[in-house]
Amino acid sequence: MDYFIQSVKLKYRSIFISIRYSQDVKDLLVKLHQEVRSLKSLAEEFGPSKDSIAIWFK
């Protein structure tokens, strides 16, 4: 499964990297959320933010 770190902190600056997740990854995370996994646990395990997963769920 492909997932990436969304930001890298360098001293006092943050570099934000835009990540595009495949439809397969999005579908998997939505399915896991429907099966009672919390957005927080999915975000921590797979990388996308809770807000991103919530948008895919809609």
PDB file of N, CA and C in Angstrom:
ATOM      1  N   MET A   1       0.851  -1.173   0.000  1.00  0.00           N
ATOM      2  CA  MET A   1       0.000   0.000   0.000  1.00  0.00           C
ATOM      3  C   MET A   1       0.894   1.233   0.000  1.00  0.00           C
ATOM      4  N   ASP A   2       0.516   2.198  -0.814  1.00  0.00           N
ATOM      5  CA  ASP A   2       1.312   3.412  -0.937  1.00  0.00           C
ATOM      6  C   ASP A   2       0.751   4.520  -0.060  1.00  0.00           C
ATOM      7  N   TYR A   3       1.582   5.046   0.801  1.00  0.00           N
ATOM      8  CA  TYR A   3       1.225   6.226   1.565  1.00  0.00           C
ATOM      9  C   TYR A   3       2.513   6.952   1.917  1.00  0.00           C
ATOM     10  N   PHE A   4       2.396   8.236   2.192  1.00  0.00           N
ATOM     11  CA  PHE A   4       3.581   9.054   2.354  1.00  0.00           C
ATOM     12  C   PHE A   4       3.432  10.001   3.535  1.00  0.00           C
ATOM     13  N   ILE A   5       4.545  10.516   4.013  1.00  0.00           N
ATOM     14  CA  ILE A   5       4.542  11.559   5.036  1.00  0.00           C
ATOM     15  C   ILE A   5       4.118  12.857   4.357  1.00  0.00           C
ATOM     16  N   GLN A   6       3.198  13.598   4.951  1.00  0.00           N
ATOM     17  CA  GLN A   6       2.657  14.789   4.318  1.00  0.00           C
ATOM     18  C   GLN A   6       3.447  16.044   4.617  1.00  0.00           C
ATOM     19  N   SER A   7       4.245  16.072   5.630  1.00  0.00           N
ATOM     20  CA  SER A   7       5.037  17.271   5.895  1.00  0.00           C
ATOM     21  C   SER A   7       6.369  16.880   6.508  1.00  0.00           C
ATOM     22  N   VAL A   8       7.344  17.700   6.256  1.00  0.00           N
ATOM     23  CA  VAL A   8       8.671  17.484   6.803  1.00  0.00           C
ATOM     24  C   VAL A   8       9.087  18.761   7.508  1.00  0.00           C
ATOM     25  N   LYS A   9       9.493  18.652   8.767  1.00  0.00           N
ATOM     26  CA  LYS A   9       9.898  19.845   9.512  1.00  0.00           C
ATOM     27  C   LYS A   9      11.410  19.996   9.447  1.00  0.00           C
ATOM     28  N   LEU A  10      11.858  21.158   9.054  1.00  0.00           N
ATOM     29  CA  LEU A  10      13.276  21.485   9.002  1.00  0.00           C
ATOM     30  C   LEU A  10      13.513  22.704   9.878  1.00  0.00           C
ATOM     31  N   LYS A  11      14.163  22.514  10.995  1.00  0.00           N
ATOM     32  CA  LYS A  11      14.412  23.561  11.980  1.00  0.00           C
ATOM     33  C   LYS A  11      13.122  24.300  12.320  1.00  0.00           C
ATOM     34  N   TYR A  12      12.955  25.535  11.828  1.00  0.00           N
ATOM     35  CA  TYR A  12      11.780  26.334  12.187  1.00  0.00           C
ATOM     36  C   TYR A  12      10.772  26.432  11.055  1.00  0.00           C
ATOM     37  N   ARG A  13      10.968  25.688   9.993  1.00  0.00           N
ATOM     38  CA  ARG A  13      10.072  25.773   8.839  1.00  0.00           C
ATOM     39  C   ARG A  13       9.443  24.417   8.567  1.00  0.00           C
ATOM     40  N   SER A  14       8.299  24.445   7.956  1.00  0.00           N
ATOM     41  CA  SER A  14       7.648  23.216   7.519  1.00  0.00           C
ATOM     42  C   SER A  14       7.493  23.267   6.011  1.00  0.00           C
ATOM     43  N   ILE A  15       7.761  22.158   5.393  1.00  0.00           N
ATOM     44  CA  ILE A  15       7.542  22.031   3.963  1.00  0.00           C
ATOM     45  C   ILE A  15       6.366  21.087   3.792  1.00  0.00           C
ATOM     46  N   PHE A  16       5.332  21.544   3.138  1.00  0.00           N
ATOM     47  CA  PHE A  16       4.159  20.713   2.934  1.00  0.00           C
ATOM     48  C   PHE A  16       4.193  20.137   1.531  1.00  0.00           C
ATOM     49  N   ILE A  17       4.027  18.842   1.463  1.00  0.00           N
ATOM     50  CA  ILE A  17       4.082  18.133   0.205  1.00  0.00           C
ATOM     51  C   ILE A  17       2.666  17.684  -0.144  1.00  0.00           C
ATOM     52  N   SER A  18       2.230  18.025  -1.321  1.00  0.00           N
ATOM     53  CA  SER A  18       0.916  17.603  -1.762  1.00  0.00           C
ATOM     54  C   SER A  18       0.985  16.149  -2.222  1.00  0.00           C
ATOM     55  N   ILE A  19       0.141  15.323  -1.639  1.00  0.00           N
ATOM     56  CA  ILE A  19       0.132  13.900  -1.959  1.00  0.00           C
ATOM     57  C   ILE A  19      -1.199  13.562  -2.617  1.00  0.00           C
ATOM     58  N   ARG A  20      -1.126  12.828  -3.694  1.00  0.00           N
ATOM     59  CA  ARG A  20      -2.338  12.311  -4.334  1.00  0.00           C
ATOM     60  C   ARG A  20      -2.406  10.818  -4.047  1.00  0.00           C
ATOM     61  N   TYR A  21      -3.473  10.409  -3.385  1.00  0.00           N
ATOM     62  CA  TYR A  21      -3.659   9.010  -3.053  1.00  0.00           C
ATOM     63  C   TYR A  21      -4.459   8.331  -4.159  1.00  0.00           C
ATOM     64  N   SER A  22      -4.115   7.088  -4.452  1.00  0.00           N
ATOM     65  CA  SER A  22      -4.828   6.349  -5.493  1.00  0.00           C
ATOM     66  C   SER A  22      -6.261   6.092  -5.027  1.00  0.00           C
ATOM     67  N   GLN A  23      -7.122   5.845  -5.994  1.00  0.00           N
ATOM     68  CA  GLN A  23      -8.519   5.560  -5.671  1.00  0.00           C
ATOM     69  C   GLN A  23      -8.626   4.290  -4.831  1.00  0.00           C
ATOM     70  N   ASP A  24      -7.736   3.328  -5.045  1.00  0.00           N
ATOM     71  CA  ASP A  24      -7.742   2.095  -4.245  1.00  0.00           C
ATOM     72  C   ASP A  24      -7.485   2.388  -2.773  1.00  0.00           C
ATOM     73  N   VAL A  25      -6.535   3.263  -2.496  1.00  0.00           N
ATOM     74  CA  VAL A  25      -6.231   3.638  -1.106  1.00  0.00           C
ATOM     75  C   VAL A  25      -7.414   4.366  -0.496  1.00  0.00           C
ATOM     76  N   LYS A  26      -8.001   5.303  -1.234  1.00  0.00           N
ATOM     77  CA  LYS A  26      -9.164   6.041  -0.729  1.00  0.00           C
ATOM     78  C   LYS A  26     -10.308   5.079  -0.417  1.00  0.00           C
ATOM     79  N   ASP A  27     -10.587   4.152  -1.348  1.00  0.00           N
ATOM     80  CA  ASP A  27     -11.672   3.189  -1.153  1.00  0.00           C
ATOM     81  C   ASP A  27     -11.424   2.314   0.071  1.00  0.00           C
ATOM     82  N   LEU A  28     -10.177   1.884   0.259  1.00  0.00           N
ATOM     83  CA  LEU A  28      -9.841   1.058   1.415  1.00  0.00           C
ATOM     84  C   LEU A  28     -10.081   1.811   2.717  1.00  0.00           C
ATOM     85  N   LEU A  29      -9.633   3.068   2.788  1.00  0.00           N
ATOM     86  CA  LEU A  29      -9.793   3.842   4.027  1.00  0.00           C
ATOM     87  C   LEU A  29     -11.261   4.121   4.314  1.00  0.00           C
ATOM     88  N   VAL A  30     -12.044   4.385   3.278  1.00  0.00           N
ATOM     89  CA  VAL A  30     -13.487   4.596   3.470  1.00  0.00           C
ATOM     90  C   VAL A  30     -14.124   3.309   3.986  1.00  0.00           C
ATOM     91  N   LYS A  31     -13.755   2.176   3.401  1.00  0.00           N
ATOM     92  CA  LYS A  31     -14.306   0.895   3.843  1.00  0.00           C
ATOM     93  C   LYS A  31     -13.934   0.617   5.301  1.00  0.00           C
ATOM     94  N   LEU A  32     -12.680   0.854   5.660  1.00  0.00           N
ATOM     95  CA  LEU A  32     -12.259   0.641   7.046  1.00  0.00           C
ATOM     96  C   LEU A  32     -13.011   1.561   8.004  1.00  0.00           C
ATOM     97  N   HIS A  33     -13.253   2.804   7.582  1.00  0.00           N
ATOM     98  CA  HIS A  33     -14.010   3.730   8.432  1.00  0.00           C
ATOM     99  C   HIS A  33     -15.449   3.245   8.597  1.00  0.00           C
ATOM    100  N   GLN A  34     -16.025   2.721   7.548  1.00  0.00           N
ATOM    101  CA  GLN A  34     -17.392   2.191   7.636  1.00  0.00           C
ATOM    102  C   GLN A  34     -17.459   0.978   8.562  1.00  0.00           C
ATOM    103  N   GLU A  35     -16.341   0.274   8.690  1.00  0.00           N
ATOM    104  CA  GLU A  35     -16.288  -0.909   9.550  1.00  0.00           C
ATOM    105  C   GLU A  35     -15.836  -0.562  10.969  1.00  0.00           C
ATOM    106  N   VAL A  36     -16.103   0.656  11.399  1.00  0.00           N
ATOM    107  CA  VAL A  36     -15.943   1.108  12.779  1.00  0.00           C
ATOM    108  C   VAL A  36     -14.524   1.569  13.140  1.00  0.00           C
ATOM    109  N   ARG A  37     -13.638   1.775  12.188  1.00  0.00           N
ATOM    110  CA  ARG A  37     -12.329   2.366  12.503  1.00  0.00           C
ATOM    111  C   ARG A  37     -12.507   3.876  12.590  1.00  0.00           C
ATOM    112  N   SER A  38     -11.864   4.492  13.548  1.00  0.00           N
ATOM    113  CA  SER A  38     -11.976   5.946  13.696  1.00  0.00           C
ATOM    114  C   SER A  38     -11.112   6.665  12.664  1.00  0.00           C
ATOM    115  N   LEU A  39     -11.510   7.880  12.341  1.00  0.00           N
ATOM    116  CA  LEU A  39     -10.723   8.698  11.417  1.00  0.00           C
ATOM    117  C   LEU A  39      -9.330   8.931  11.979  1.00  0.00           C
ATOM    118  N   LYS A  40      -9.258   9.143  13.285  1.00  0.00           N
ATOM    119  CA  LYS A  40      -7.964   9.391  13.931  1.00  0.00           C
ATOM    120  C   LYS A  40      -7.023   8.201  13.768  1.00  0.00           C
ATOM    121  N   SER A  41      -7.513   6.998  14.014  1.00  0.00           N
ATOM    122  CA  SER A  41      -6.646   5.816  13.902  1.00  0.00           C
ATOM    123  C   SER A  41      -6.212   5.572  12.457  1.00  0.00           C
ATOM    124  N   LEU A  42      -7.108   5.820  11.505  1.00  0.00           N
ATOM    125  CA  LEU A  42      -6.751   5.665  10.094  1.00  0.00           C
ATOM    126  C   LEU A  42      -5.709   6.693   9.674  1.00  0.00           C
ATOM    127  N   ALA A  43      -5.889   7.928  10.122  1.00  0.00           N
ATOM    128  CA  ALA A  43      -4.928   8.986   9.798  1.00  0.00           C
ATOM    129  C   ALA A  43      -3.547   8.668  10.369  1.00  0.00           C
ATOM    130  N   GLU A  44      -3.500   8.191  11.590  1.00  0.00           N
ATOM    131  CA  GLU A  44      -2.227   7.864  12.229  1.00  0.00           C
ATOM    132  C   GLU A  44      -1.537   6.682  11.540  1.00  0.00           C
ATOM    133  N   GLU A  45      -2.315   5.705  11.112  1.00  0.00           N
ATOM    134  CA  GLU A  45      -1.735   4.502  10.531  1.00  0.00           C
ATOM    135  C   GLU A  45      -1.341   4.667   9.054  1.00  0.00           C
ATOM    136  N   PHE A  46      -2.176   5.396   8.282  1.00  0.00           N
ATOM    137  CA  PHE A  46      -1.971   5.433   6.837  1.00  0.00           C
ATOM    138  C   PHE A  46      -1.456   6.758   6.294  1.00  0.00           C
ATOM    139  N   GLY A  47      -1.567   7.850   7.045  1.00  0.00           N
ATOM    140  CA  GLY A  47      -0.954   9.095   6.603  1.00  0.00           C
ATOM    141  C   GLY A  47      -1.864  10.250   6.235  1.00  0.00           C
ATOM    142  N   PRO A  48      -2.946  10.033   5.472  1.00  0.00           N
ATOM    143  CA  PRO A  48      -3.785  11.179   5.135  1.00  0.00           C
ATOM    144  C   PRO A  48      -4.431  11.774   6.391  1.00  0.00           C
ATOM    145  N   SER A  49      -4.774  13.049   6.340  1.00  0.00           N
ATOM    146  CA  SER A  49      -5.395  13.687   7.500  1.00  0.00           C
ATOM    147  C   SER A  49      -6.809  13.159   7.722  1.00  0.00           C
ATOM    148  N   LYS A  50      -7.304  13.374   8.946  1.00  0.00           N
ATOM    149  CA  LYS A  50      -8.690  12.999   9.256  1.00  0.00           C
ATOM    150  C   LYS A  50      -9.652  13.722   8.333  1.00  0.00           C
ATOM    151  N   ASP A  51      -9.368  14.988   8.031  1.00  0.00           N
ATOM    152  CA  ASP A  51     -10.244  15.781   7.155  1.00  0.00           C
ATOM    153  C   ASP A  51     -10.283  15.212   5.745  1.00  0.00           C
ATOM    154  N   SER A  52      -9.153  14.773   5.237  1.00  0.00           N
ATOM    155  CA  SER A  52      -9.123  14.174   3.891  1.00  0.00           C
ATOM    156  C   SER A  52      -9.965  12.918   3.841  1.00  0.00           C
ATOM    157  N   ILE A  53      -9.804  12.053   4.828  1.00  0.00           N
ATOM    158  CA  ILE A  53     -10.573  10.804   4.850  1.00  0.00           C
ATOM    159  C   ILE A  53     -12.058  11.105   4.965  1.00  0.00           C
ATOM    160  N   ALA A  54     -12.412  12.101   5.763  1.00  0.00           N
ATOM    161  CA  ALA A  54     -13.823  12.481   5.921  1.00  0.00           C
ATOM    162  C   ALA A  54     -14.405  12.952   4.597  1.00  0.00           C
ATOM    163  N   ILE A  55     -13.634  13.691   3.819  1.00  0.00           N
ATOM    164  CA  ILE A  55     -14.101  14.160   2.510  1.00  0.00           C
ATOM    165  C   ILE A  55     -14.318  12.967   1.582  1.00  0.00           C
ATOM    166  N   TRP A  56     -13.412  12.005   1.592  1.00  0.00           N
ATOM    167  CA  TRP A  56     -13.565  10.826   0.737  1.00  0.00           C
ATOM    168  C   TRP A  56     -14.787  10.012   1.153  1.00  0.00           C
ATOM    169  N   PHE A  57     -15.110  10.053   2.439  1.00  0.00           N
ATOM    170  CA  PHE A  57     -16.240   9.285   2.971  1.00  0.00           C
ATOM    171  C   PHE A  57     -17.578   9.835   2.474  1.00  0.00           C
ATOM    172  N   LYS A  58     -17.617  11.127   2.181  1.00  0.00           N
ATOM    173  CA  LYS A  58     -18.877  11.767   1.759  1.00  0.00           C
ATOM    174  C   LYS A  58     -19.302  11.329   0.415  1.00  0.00           C
TER     175      LYS A  58
END
